C-alpha atoms as a PDB file:
ATOM      1  CA  MET A   1     194.992  60.841  92.306  1.00  0.00           C
ATOM      2  CA  THR A   2     191.243  60.383  92.780  1.00  0.00           C
ATOM      3  CA  ILE A   3     191.757  57.999  95.694  1.00  0.00           C
ATOM      4  CA  LYS A   4     194.185  60.423  97.342  1.00  0.00           C
ATOM      5  CA  ILE A   5     191.698  63.281  97.052  1.00  0.00           C
ATOM      6  CA  GLN A   6     188.905  61.116  98.441  1.00  0.00           C
ATOM      7  CA  ARG A   7     191.027  60.205 101.458  1.00  0.00           C
ATOM      8  CA  ARG A   8     191.768  63.833 102.274  1.00  0.00           C
ATOM      9  CA  SER A   9     188.131  64.775 101.702  1.00  0.00           C
ATOM     10  CA  LEU A  10     187.084  62.054 104.120  1.00  0.00           C
ATOM     11  CA  LEU A  11     189.429  63.367 106.773  1.00  0.00           C
ATOM     12  CA  LYS A  12     188.251  66.942 106.316  1.00  0.00           C
ATOM     13  CA  GLY A  13     184.647  65.804 106.174  1.00  0.00           C
ATOM     14  CA  GLY A  14     182.431  64.226 108.815  1.00  0.00           C
ATOM     15  CA  LEU A  15     184.740  63.357 111.694  1.00  0.00           C
ATOM     16  CA  ALA A  16     187.193  66.177 111.070  1.00  0.00           C
ATOM     17  CA  GLY A  17     184.355  68.659 111.011  1.00  0.00           C
ATOM     18  CA  THR A  18     183.289  67.481 114.450  1.00  0.00           C
ATOM     19  CA  VAL A  19     186.792  68.006 115.810  1.00  0.00           C
ATOM     20  CA  LEU A  20     187.116  71.464 114.295  1.00  0.00           C
ATOM     21  CA  SER A  21     183.845  72.560 115.829  1.00  0.00           C
ATOM     22  CA  ILE A  22     185.379  71.707 119.188  1.00  0.00           C
ATOM     23  CA  LEU A  23     188.855  73.104 118.610  1.00  0.00           C
ATOM     24  CA  GLN A  24     187.923  76.403 116.991  1.00  0.00           C
ATOM     25  CA  ARG A  25     186.395  78.042 120.036  1.00  0.00           C
ATOM     26  CA  PRO A  26     186.572  81.778 120.653  1.00  0.00           C
ATOM     27  CA  LYS A  27     189.914  82.940 122.021  1.00  0.00           C
ATOM     28  CA  SER A  28     189.926  83.238 125.771  1.00  0.00           C
ATOM     29  CA  THR A  29     189.912  86.694 127.328  1.00  0.00           C
ATOM     30  CA  GLN A  30     191.472  85.306 130.510  1.00  0.00           C
ATOM     31  CA  ALA A  31     195.186  85.055 131.221  1.00  0.00           C
ATOM     32  CA  HIS A  32     196.894  82.454 129.045  1.00  0.00           C
ATOM     33  CA  ASN A  33     197.782  79.275 130.893  1.00  0.00           C
ATOM     34  CA  ILE A  34     200.692  77.989 128.815  1.00  0.00           C
ATOM     35  CA  LYS A  35     202.474  74.857 129.968  1.00  0.00           C
ATOM     36  CA  LYS A  36     206.131  75.610 130.626  1.00  0.00           C
ATOM     37  CA  TYR A  37     209.064  73.575 129.373  1.00  0.00           C
ATOM     38  CA  PRO A  38     212.187  75.297 130.783  1.00  0.00           C
ATOM     39  CA  ASP A  39     214.563  73.513 128.390  1.00  0.00           C
ATOM     40  CA  SER A  40     212.296  73.688 125.358  1.00  0.00           C
ATOM     41  CA  TYR A  41     213.758  74.838 122.060  1.00  0.00           C
ATOM     42  CA  GLY A  42     211.887  76.463 119.219  1.00  0.00           C
ATOM     43  CA  VAL A  43     212.272  78.112 115.837  1.00  0.00           C
ATOM     44  CA  LEU A  44     211.208  81.621 114.895  1.00  0.00           C
ATOM     45  CA  VAL A  45     210.172  81.890 111.246  1.00  0.00           C
ATOM     46  CA  ASP A  46     210.424  85.438 109.893  1.00  0.00           C
ATOM     47  CA  LEU A  47     208.371  85.534 106.705  1.00  0.00           C
ATOM     48  CA  ASN A  48     209.913  88.877 105.775  1.00  0.00           C
ATOM     49  CA  ARG A  49     213.229  87.133 105.217  1.00  0.00           C
ATOM     50  CA  CYS A  50     212.224  83.956 103.381  1.00  0.00           C
ATOM     51  CA  ILE A  51     213.014  84.038  99.640  1.00  0.00           C
ATOM     52  CA  GLY A  52     211.481  80.675  98.725  1.00  0.00           C
ATOM     53  CA  CYS A  53     214.791  79.009  97.852  1.00  0.00           C
ATOM     54  CA  ARG A  54     213.621  75.688  99.370  1.00  0.00           C
ATOM     55  CA  SER A  55     217.040  75.008 100.894  1.00  0.00           C
ATOM     56  CA  CYS A  56     215.170  73.954 104.020  1.00  0.00           C
ATOM     57  CA  GLU A  57     213.268  71.318 102.055  1.00  0.00           C
ATOM     58  CA  ALA A  58     216.430  69.877 100.529  1.00  0.00           C
ATOM     59  CA  ALA A  59     218.182  69.778 103.898  1.00  0.00           C
ATOM     60  CA  CYS A  60     215.217  68.061 105.537  1.00  0.00           C
ATOM     61  CA  ASN A  61     214.988  65.373 102.870  1.00  0.00           C
ATOM     62  CA  LYS A  62     218.685  64.637 103.173  1.00  0.00           C
ATOM     63  CA  GLU A  63     218.693  64.583 106.982  1.00  0.00           C
ATOM     64  CA  GLN A  64     215.636  62.320 107.228  1.00  0.00           C
ATOM     65  CA  GLY A  65     216.478  60.038 104.282  1.00  0.00           C
ATOM     66  CA  LEU A  66     213.360  61.004 102.346  1.00  0.00           C
ATOM     67  CA  PRO A  67     213.107  60.337  98.596  1.00  0.00           C
ATOM     68  CA  GLU A  68     214.156  62.888  96.015  1.00  0.00           C
ATOM     69  CA  PRO A  69     211.202  64.938  94.719  1.00  0.00           C
ATOM     70  CA  ASN A  70     209.839  64.497  91.203  1.00  0.00           C
ATOM     71  CA  THR A  71     210.960  68.045  90.382  1.00  0.00           C
ATOM     72  CA  PRO A  72     214.269  69.625  91.474  1.00  0.00           C
ATOM     73  CA  PHE A  73     214.306  71.838  94.547  1.00  0.00           C
ATOM     74  CA  THR A  74     215.227  74.725  92.267  1.00  0.00           C
ATOM     75  CA  ASP A  75     212.075  74.337  90.155  1.00  0.00           C
ATOM     76  CA  GLN A  76     209.805  77.316  90.918  1.00  0.00           C
ATOM     77  CA  SER A  77     206.828  75.773  89.120  1.00  0.00           C
ATOM     78  CA  ILE A  78     206.178  73.748  92.256  1.00  0.00           C
ATOM     79  CA  PHE A  79     204.594  76.834  93.825  1.00  0.00           C
ATOM     80  CA  THR A  80     201.712  76.807  91.327  1.00  0.00           C
ATOM     81  CA  PRO A  81     198.486  75.570  92.995  1.00  0.00           C
ATOM     82  CA  ASP A  82     197.124  72.245  91.757  1.00  0.00           C
ATOM     83  CA  GLU A  83     194.026  71.795  89.606  1.00  0.00           C
ATOM     84  CA  HIS A  84     191.886  72.172  92.737  1.00  0.00           C
ATOM     85  CA  GLY A  85     193.543  75.451  93.700  1.00  0.00           C
ATOM     86  CA  GLN A  86     195.337  73.838  96.637  1.00  0.00           C
ATOM     87  CA  LYS A  87     198.836  74.829  97.668  1.00  0.00           C
ATOM     88  CA  ARG A  88     201.483  72.285  98.564  1.00  0.00           C
ATOM     89  CA  ARG A  89     201.169  70.358 101.806  1.00  0.00           C
ATOM     90  CA  THR A  90     203.439  68.076 103.743  1.00  0.00           C
ATOM     91  CA  ASP A  91     203.088  64.399 102.900  1.00  0.00           C
ATOM     92  CA  ALA A  92     204.868  61.056 103.266  1.00  0.00           C
ATOM     93  CA  THR A  93     207.759  62.249 101.098  1.00  0.00           C
ATOM     94  CA  ALA A  94     208.171  65.781 102.489  1.00  0.00           C
ATOM     95  CA  TYR A  95     208.198  66.758 106.155  1.00  0.00           C
ATOM     96  CA  THR A  96     208.350  70.460 105.280  1.00  0.00           C
ATOM     97  CA  VAL A  97     207.199  72.479 102.277  1.00  0.00           C
ATOM     98  CA  VAL A  98     207.404  76.112 101.251  1.00  0.00           C
ATOM     99  CA  GLN A  99     204.296  77.851  99.923  1.00  0.00           C
ATOM    100  CA  ARG A 100     204.161  81.063  97.897  1.00  0.00           C
ATOM    101  CA  TYR A 101     201.584  83.834  98.240  1.00  0.00           C
ATOM    102  CA  ASP A 102     201.272  86.635  95.704  1.00  0.00           C
ATOM    103  CA  PHE A 103     199.681  89.962  96.631  1.00  0.00           C
ATOM    104  CA  PRO A 104     198.483  92.609  94.142  1.00  0.00           C
ATOM    105  CA  GLY A 105     200.627  95.719  94.231  1.00  0.00           C
ATOM    106  CA  GLN A 106     203.610  94.046  95.871  1.00  0.00           C
ATOM    107  CA  ASP A 107     206.813  93.656  93.872  1.00  0.00           C
ATOM    108  CA  HIS A 108     207.694  90.323  95.447  1.00  0.00           C
ATOM    109  CA  PRO A 109     205.783  87.272  96.730  1.00  0.00           C
ATOM    110  CA  LEU A 110     205.636  86.107 100.325  1.00  0.00           C
ATOM    111  CA  PHE A 111     206.850  82.618 101.216  1.00  0.00           C
ATOM    112  CA  LYS A 112     205.768  80.461 104.147  1.00  0.00           C
ATOM    113  CA  LYS A 113     207.478  77.345 105.505  1.00  0.00           C
ATOM    114  CA  VAL A 114     205.098  74.640 106.721  1.00  0.00           C
ATOM    115  CA  GLN A 115     205.949  71.705 109.012  1.00  0.00           C
ATOM    116  CA  CYS A 116     204.802  70.188 112.301  1.00  0.00           C
ATOM    117  CA  ASN A 117     204.556  73.039 114.818  1.00  0.00           C
ATOM    118  CA  HIS A 118     205.440  70.791 117.787  1.00  0.00           C
ATOM    119  CA  CYS A 119     202.709  71.991 120.120  1.00  0.00           C
ATOM    120  CA  LEU A 120     203.384  72.372 123.824  1.00  0.00           C
ATOM    121  CA  GLU A 121     200.310  70.230 124.529  1.00  0.00           C
ATOM    122  CA  PRO A 122     199.944  68.234 121.300  1.00  0.00           C
ATOM    123  CA  ALA A 123     196.502  67.141 120.158  1.00  0.00           C
ATOM    124  CA  CYS A 124     198.117  64.233 118.290  1.00  0.00           C
ATOM    125  CA  LEU A 125     199.567  62.918 121.546  1.00  0.00           C
ATOM    126  CA  THR A 126     196.332  63.382 123.459  1.00  0.00           C
ATOM    127  CA  SER A 127     194.239  61.674 120.805  1.00  0.00           C
ATOM    128  CA  CYS A 128     196.522  58.626 120.507  1.00  0.00           C
ATOM    129  CA  PHE A 129     195.159  55.800 122.638  1.00  0.00           C
ATOM    130  CA  VAL A 130     198.299  53.635 122.212  1.00  0.00           C
ATOM    131  CA  ASN A 131     200.744  56.387 123.230  1.00  0.00           C
ATOM    132  CA  ALA A 132     202.601  56.460 119.933  1.00  0.00           C
ATOM    133  CA  TYR A 133     203.566  60.111 120.501  1.00  0.00           C
ATOM    134  CA  THR A 134     205.958  61.660 123.011  1.00  0.00           C
ATOM    135  CA  LYS A 135     206.534  65.310 123.895  1.00  0.00           C
ATOM    136  CA  THR A 136     210.222  65.664 124.754  1.00  0.00           C
ATOM    137  CA  PRO A 137     211.591  68.232 127.227  1.00  0.00           C
ATOM    138  CA  GLU A 138     213.541  69.758 124.341  1.00  0.00           C
ATOM    139  CA  GLY A 139     210.312  70.627 122.557  1.00  0.00           C
ATOM    140  CA  ALA A 140     209.951  67.956 119.881  1.00  0.00           C
ATOM    141  CA  VAL A 141     206.832  65.859 119.371  1.00  0.00           C
ATOM    142  CA  ILE A 142     208.132  62.492 118.185  1.00  0.00           C
ATOM    143  CA  TYR A 143     206.346  59.408 116.920  1.00  0.00           C
ATOM    144  CA  ASN A 144     206.905  55.689 117.505  1.00  0.00           C
ATOM    145  CA  PRO A 145     205.700  53.609 114.541  1.00  0.00           C
ATOM    146  CA  ASP A 146     206.249  50.344 116.429  1.00  0.00           C
ATOM    147  CA  VAL A 147     203.171  50.866 118.594  1.00  0.00           C
ATOM    148  CA  CYS A 148     200.974  52.703 116.064  1.00  0.00           C
ATOM    149  CA  VAL A 149     197.828  50.835 114.989  1.00  0.00           C
ATOM    150  CA  GLY A 150     196.924  53.159 112.134  1.00  0.00           C
ATOM    151  CA  CYS A 151     193.743  54.652 113.601  1.00  0.00           C
ATOM    152  CA  ARG A 152     194.627  58.132 112.220  1.00  0.00           C
ATOM    153  CA  THR A 153     192.937  60.014 115.040  1.00  0.00           C
ATOM    154  CA  CYS A 154     196.048  62.170 115.243  1.00  0.00           C
ATOM    155  CA  MET A 155     195.423  63.308 111.671  1.00  0.00           C
ATOM    156  CA  ILE A 156     191.920  64.414 112.621  1.00  0.00           C
ATOM    157  CA  ALA A 157     192.866  65.935 115.955  1.00  0.00           C
ATOM    158  CA  CYS A 158     195.749  68.119 114.728  1.00  0.00           C
ATOM    159  CA  PRO A 159     194.431  71.699 114.397  1.00  0.00           C
ATOM    160  CA  PHE A 160     197.116  72.415 111.783  1.00  0.00           C
ATOM    161  CA  TYR A 161     196.397  69.381 109.506  1.00  0.00           C
ATOM    162  CA  ILE A 162     200.026  68.213 109.623  1.00  0.00           C
ATOM    163  CA  PRO A 163     200.296  64.433 110.221  1.00  0.00           C
ATOM    164  CA  THR A 164     200.009  62.409 107.018  1.00  0.00           C
ATOM    165  CA  PHE A 165     199.830  58.687 106.442  1.00  0.00           C
ATOM    166  CA  LYS A 166     202.110  56.530 104.352  1.00  0.00           C
ATOM    167  CA  TYR A 167     199.405  54.752 102.387  1.00  0.00           C
ATOM    168  CA  SER A 168     201.815  52.304 100.767  1.00  0.00           C
ATOM    169  CA  SER A 169     202.171  50.632 104.172  1.00  0.00           C
ATOM    170  CA  GLY A 170     198.565  49.655 104.821  1.00  0.00           C
ATOM    171  CA  PHE A 171     199.472  46.742 107.105  1.00  0.00           C
ATOM    172  CA  HIS A 172     202.451  48.511 108.652  1.00  0.00           C
ATOM    173  CA  PRO A 173     200.915  51.792 109.869  1.00  0.00           C
ATOM    174  CA  ARG A 174     203.184  54.806 109.764  1.00  0.00           C
ATOM    175  CA  ILE A 175     202.431  58.462 110.306  1.00  0.00           C
ATOM    176  CA  MET A 176     204.801  60.843 108.547  1.00  0.00           C
ATOM    177  CA  LYS A 177     205.683  64.249 109.978  1.00  0.00           C
ATOM    178  CA  CYS A 178     208.578  66.469 111.032  1.00  0.00           C
ATOM    179  CA  ILE A 179     210.335  65.200 114.182  1.00  0.00           C
ATOM    180  CA  PHE A 180     212.409  68.371 114.748  1.00  0.00           C
ATOM    181  CA  CYS A 181     215.561  66.367 113.859  1.00  0.00           C
ATOM    182  CA  TYR A 182     215.316  65.112 117.425  1.00  0.00           C
ATOM    183  CA  ASP A 183     217.551  62.020 117.352  1.00  0.00           C
ATOM    184  CA  THR A 184     220.403  63.550 115.381  1.00  0.00           C
ATOM    185  CA  ARG A 185     220.331  67.193 116.420  1.00  0.00           C
ATOM    186  CA  LEU A 186     217.790  68.594 118.863  1.00  0.00           C
ATOM    187  CA  LYS A 187     218.571  66.383 121.854  1.00  0.00           C
ATOM    188  CA  TYR A 188     222.173  67.543 121.554  1.00  0.00           C
ATOM    189  CA  GLY A 189     221.136  71.191 121.515  1.00  0.00           C
ATOM    190  CA  LYS A 190     221.818  71.562 117.787  1.00  0.00           C
ATOM    191  CA  PRO A 191     219.464  73.318 115.328  1.00  0.00           C
ATOM    192  CA  PRO A 192     217.429  71.190 112.902  1.00  0.00           C
ATOM    193  CA  ALA A 193     218.819  70.727 109.398  1.00  0.00           C
ATOM    194  CA  CYS A 194     216.361  73.152 107.818  1.00  0.00           C
ATOM    195  CA  VAL A 195     217.449  75.984 110.095  1.00  0.00           C
ATOM    196  CA  GLU A 196     221.124  75.344 109.477  1.00  0.00           C
ATOM    197  CA  ALA A 197     220.584  75.363 105.702  1.00  0.00           C
ATOM    198  CA  CYS A 198     218.660  78.674 105.495  1.00  0.00           C
ATOM    199  CA  PRO A 199     220.857  81.253 103.691  1.00  0.00           C
ATOM    200  CA  GLN A 200     218.686  84.226 104.693  1.00  0.00           C
ATOM    201  CA  GLU A 201     218.453  83.539 108.428  1.00  0.00           C
ATOM    202  CA  ALA A 202     214.691  83.403 108.040  1.00  0.00           C
ATOM    203  CA  LEU A 203     214.749  80.591 110.606  1.00  0.00           C
ATOM    204  CA  LEU A 204     216.118  81.363 114.058  1.00  0.00           C
ATOM    205  CA  PHE A 205     216.776  78.510 116.490  1.00  0.00           C
ATOM    206  CA  GLY A 206     216.966  78.885 120.259  1.00  0.00           C
ATOM    207  CA  LYS A 207     215.109  78.518 123.544  1.00  0.00           C
ATOM    208  CA  ARG A 208     211.421  79.207 122.988  1.00  0.00           C
ATOM    209  CA  ASP A 209     211.176  81.895 125.659  1.00  0.00           C
ATOM    210  CA  ASP A 210     214.169  83.731 124.197  1.00  0.00           C
ATOM    211  CA  LEU A 211     212.696  83.562 120.694  1.00  0.00           C
ATOM    212  CA  ILE A 212     209.461  85.173 121.892  1.00  0.00           C
ATOM    213  CA  LYS A 213     211.446  88.046 123.397  1.00  0.00           C
ATOM    214  CA  LYS A 214     213.411  88.499 120.169  1.00  0.00           C
ATOM    215  CA  ALA A 215     210.219  88.395 118.119  1.00  0.00           C
ATOM    216  CA  ARG A 216     208.651  91.115 120.258  1.00  0.00           C
ATOM    217  CA  ARG A 217     211.727  93.286 119.854  1.00  0.00           C
ATOM    218  CA  ARG A 218     211.522  92.952 116.072  1.00  0.00           C
ATOM    219  CA  ILE A 219     207.876  93.995 116.166  1.00  0.00           C
ATOM    220  CA  GLU A 220     208.619  96.947 118.452  1.00  0.00           C
ATOM    221  CA  ASN A 221     211.631  98.118 116.432  1.00  0.00           C
ATOM    222  CA  LYS A 222     209.920  97.825 113.038  1.00  0.00           C
ATOM    223  CA  PRO A 223     206.140  98.038 113.553  1.00  0.00           C
ATOM    224  CA  ASP A 224     205.590  98.891 109.877  1.00  0.00           C
ATOM    225  CA  LEU A 225     207.255  95.644 108.824  1.00  0.00           C
ATOM    226  CA  TYR A 226     205.472  93.203 111.110  1.00  0.00           C
ATOM    227  CA  GLN A 227     201.988  92.359 112.293  1.00  0.00           C
ATOM    228  CA  ASP A 228     201.662  92.843 116.037  1.00  0.00           C
ATOM    229  CA  HIS A 229     201.247  89.138 116.623  1.00  0.00           C
ATOM    230  CA  ILE A 230     203.502  86.118 117.117  1.00  0.00           C
ATOM    231  CA  TYR A 231     201.642  83.166 115.646  1.00  0.00           C
ATOM    232  CA  GLY A 232     202.196  80.119 117.826  1.00  0.00           C
ATOM    233  CA  GLU A 233     202.837  81.967 121.067  1.00  0.00           C
ATOM    234  CA  PHE A 234     199.381  81.029 122.337  1.00  0.00           C
ATOM    235  CA  GLU A 235     197.554  79.209 119.500  1.00  0.00           C
ATOM    236  CA  ALA A 236     196.442  75.712 120.562  1.00  0.00           C
ATOM    237  CA  GLY A 237     198.144  76.286 123.905  1.00  0.00           C
ATOM    238  CA  GLY A 238     201.420  77.358 122.305  1.00  0.00           C
ATOM    239  CA  THR A 239     203.759  75.822 119.734  1.00  0.00           C
ATOM    240  CA  SER A 240     207.523  75.406 119.425  1.00  0.00           C
ATOM    241  CA  TRP A 241     207.510  76.930 115.937  1.00  0.00           C
ATOM    242  CA  LEU A 242     206.674  80.635 115.957  1.00  0.00           C
ATOM    243  CA  TYR A 243     205.927  82.989 113.073  1.00  0.00           C
ATOM    244  CA  LEU A 244     206.283  86.679 112.258  1.00  0.00           C
ATOM    245  CA  SER A 245     204.509  88.100 109.230  1.00  0.00           C
ATOM    246  CA  PRO A 246     204.179  91.417 107.388  1.00  0.00           C
ATOM    247  CA  VAL A 247     200.544  90.670 106.477  1.00  0.00           C
ATOM    248  CA  PRO A 248     197.575  89.344 108.476  1.00  0.00           C
ATOM    249  CA  PHE A 249     198.130  85.652 109.117  1.00  0.00           C
ATOM    250  CA  ALA A 250     194.738  84.703 107.693  1.00  0.00           C
ATOM    251  CA  GLU A 251     195.880  85.998 104.286  1.00  0.00           C
ATOM    252  CA  ILE A 252     198.697  83.456 104.106  1.00  0.00           C
ATOM    253  CA  GLY A 253     196.876  80.305 105.090  1.00  0.00           C
ATOM    254  CA  PHE A 254     197.103  80.427 108.882  1.00  0.00           C
ATOM    255  CA  ASN A 255     193.930  79.590 110.768  1.00  0.00           C
ATOM    256  CA  PRO A 256     193.080  82.641 112.903  1.00  0.00           C
ATOM    257  CA  ASP A 257     190.230  80.837 114.680  1.00  0.00           C
ATOM    258  CA  ILE A 258     192.298  78.247 116.538  1.00  0.00           C
ATOM    259  CA  SER A 259     191.635  78.620 120.245  1.00  0.00           C
ATOM    260  CA  ASP A 260     194.408  79.849 122.532  1.00  0.00           C
ATOM    261  CA  GLU A 261     193.418  77.152 124.992  1.00  0.00           C
ATOM    262  CA  PRO A 262     195.204  73.769 124.859  1.00  0.00           C
ATOM    263  CA  VAL A 263     193.137  71.192 123.016  1.00  0.00           C
ATOM    264  CA  LEU A 264     193.790  68.500 125.622  1.00  0.00           C
ATOM    265  CA  ASP A 265     190.303  68.321 127.140  1.00  0.00           C
ATOM    266  CA  SER A 266     188.583  69.012 123.826  1.00  0.00           C
ATOM    267  CA  VAL A 267     190.187  66.031 122.136  1.00  0.00           C
ATOM    268  CA  LYS A 268     189.317  63.779 125.049  1.00  0.00           C
ATOM    269  CA  ASN A 269     185.690  64.861 124.745  1.00  0.00           C
ATOM    270  CA  PHE A 270     185.772  64.183 121.030  1.00  0.00           C
ATOM    271  CA  LEU A 271     187.145  60.675 121.493  1.00  0.00           C
ATOM    272  CA  ALA A 272     184.390  59.973 124.000  1.00  0.00           C
ATOM    273  CA  ILE A 273     181.799  61.030 121.415  1.00  0.00           C
ATOM    274  CA  VAL A 274     183.115  58.848 118.596  1.00  0.00           C
ATOM    275  CA  PRO A 275     184.830  55.802 120.154  1.00  0.00           C
ATOM    276  CA  MET A 276     184.099  53.701 117.061  1.00  0.00           C
ATOM    277  CA  VAL A 277     186.855  55.521 115.200  1.00  0.00           C
ATOM    278  CA  LEU A 278     189.394  53.480 117.140  1.00  0.00           C
ATOM    279  CA  THR A 279     188.177  50.241 115.587  1.00  0.00           C
ATOM    280  CA  ILE A 280     186.725  51.330 112.242  1.00  0.00           C
ATOM    281  CA  TRP A 281     189.542  53.609 111.101  1.00  0.00           C
ATOM    282  CA  PRO A 282     192.312  50.943 110.711  1.00  0.00           C
ATOM    283  CA  ALA A 283     190.031  48.652 108.720  1.00  0.00           C
ATOM    284  CA  LEU A 284     188.796  51.517 106.565  1.00  0.00           C
ATOM    285  CA  PHE A 285     192.248  52.649 105.491  1.00  0.00           C
ATOM    286  CA  ALA A 286     193.526  49.108 105.095  1.00  0.00           C
ATOM    287  CA  GLY A 287     190.663  48.730 102.637  1.00  0.00           C
ATOM    288  CA  PHE A 288     191.826  51.850 100.781  1.00  0.00           C
ATOM    289  CA  HIS A 289     195.298  50.346 100.554  1.00  0.00           C
ATOM    290  CA  LEU A 290     194.032  47.006  99.271  1.00  0.00           C
ATOM    291  CA  LEU A 291     191.803  48.709  96.706  1.00  0.00           C
ATOM    292  CA  ALA A 292     194.634  50.850  95.358  1.00  0.00           C
ATOM    293  CA  THR A 293     197.051  47.906  95.293  1.00  0.00           C
ATOM    294  CA  ARG A 294     194.523  45.695  93.527  1.00  0.00           C
ATOM    295  CA  LYS A 295     193.851  48.317  90.857  1.00  0.00           C
ATOM    296  CA  ASP A 296     197.571  48.790  90.262  1.00  0.00           C
ATOM    297  CA  LEU A 297     198.049  45.036  89.954  1.00  0.00           C
ATOM    298  CA  GLN A 298     195.138  44.692  87.534  1.00  0.00           C
ATOM    299  CA  ALA A 299     196.488  47.533  85.423  1.00  0.00           C
ATOM    300  CA  GLN A 300     199.919  45.913  85.338  1.00  0.00           C
ATOM    301  CA  THR A 301     198.405  42.553  84.373  1.00  0.00           C
ATOM    302  CA  THR A 302     196.401  44.185  81.583  1.00  0.00           C
ATOM    303  CA  ASP A 303     199.510  45.901  80.222  1.00  0.00           C
ATOM    304  CA  ASP A 304     201.480  42.651  80.303  1.00  0.00           C
ATOM    305  CA  THR A 305     198.687  40.777  78.551  1.00  0.00           C
ATOM    306  CA  SER A 306     198.387  43.446  75.872  1.00  0.00           C
ATOM    307  CA  GLY A 307     202.096  43.241  75.280  1.00  0.00           C
ATOM    308  CA  GLU A 308     201.971  39.486  74.818  1.00  0.00           C
ATOM    309  CA  ASP A 309     199.054  39.756  72.401  1.00  0.00           C
ATOM    310  CA  LYS A 310     200.985  42.228  70.244  1.00  0.00           C
ATOM    311  CA  ARG A 311     203.904  39.846  70.063  1.00  0.00           C
END
């Protein structure tokens, strides 16, 4: 647990801080220059409708062949923050997670689904010097582990802190994140598994432009129920996953300071400032892997020896 915390702290520390100082620029007052993908799909997440059932999580794990969680999907205790006060995040075993937010005076909590937002101009793609990422015309940002060298710059560059690393594969680098069910569903025009599994229709699948129009109509028809903002319409140059909320987005863990401008040029500038990351990062995390593996092996050896002594 300590090693895991140290890894995340390292990412959020020095280098990550440099990236954030670049990415979190004031929102532009000029007209938004959003890159257009005519055939791009998206998902509209209506936080008013989510009940925290985690059906989306179960469907995702099944569709992507991810391991069963340590606690059942019906276990509500999973929403309790950890000992550091942190809410659940995506990791190597979960491409999407649901978080709960409680507000004084409200008779029910608010739930938020978290996954890769599939940016229109992805920082992960821009920051990857081996082209391990691809932005598809359908809207998905997919990853090719066969060319990845494990530098983890995508983890630092992502303004939403989504990509995670499978640390058990130190010599076989693999980034873990939602792929929008691209191979099995999206490229055939079908909704991702999480959307199909939602019993409350909190997730709406369709063409991104159409979803924005529908979101605006919901805001106009029920202004008391929604904030006058579609999160993801412009943030970081626009994302395929869009959100509606009854409360200010900052109160439910969304970063309100992300620039509306695409992070393309910013990430390039960052990589020019710290080119050493491309060579140091793989060795650094391989060292983490070796250290953890060695400690586990030593612990196992000690247990075996103790057992033999008792006999």
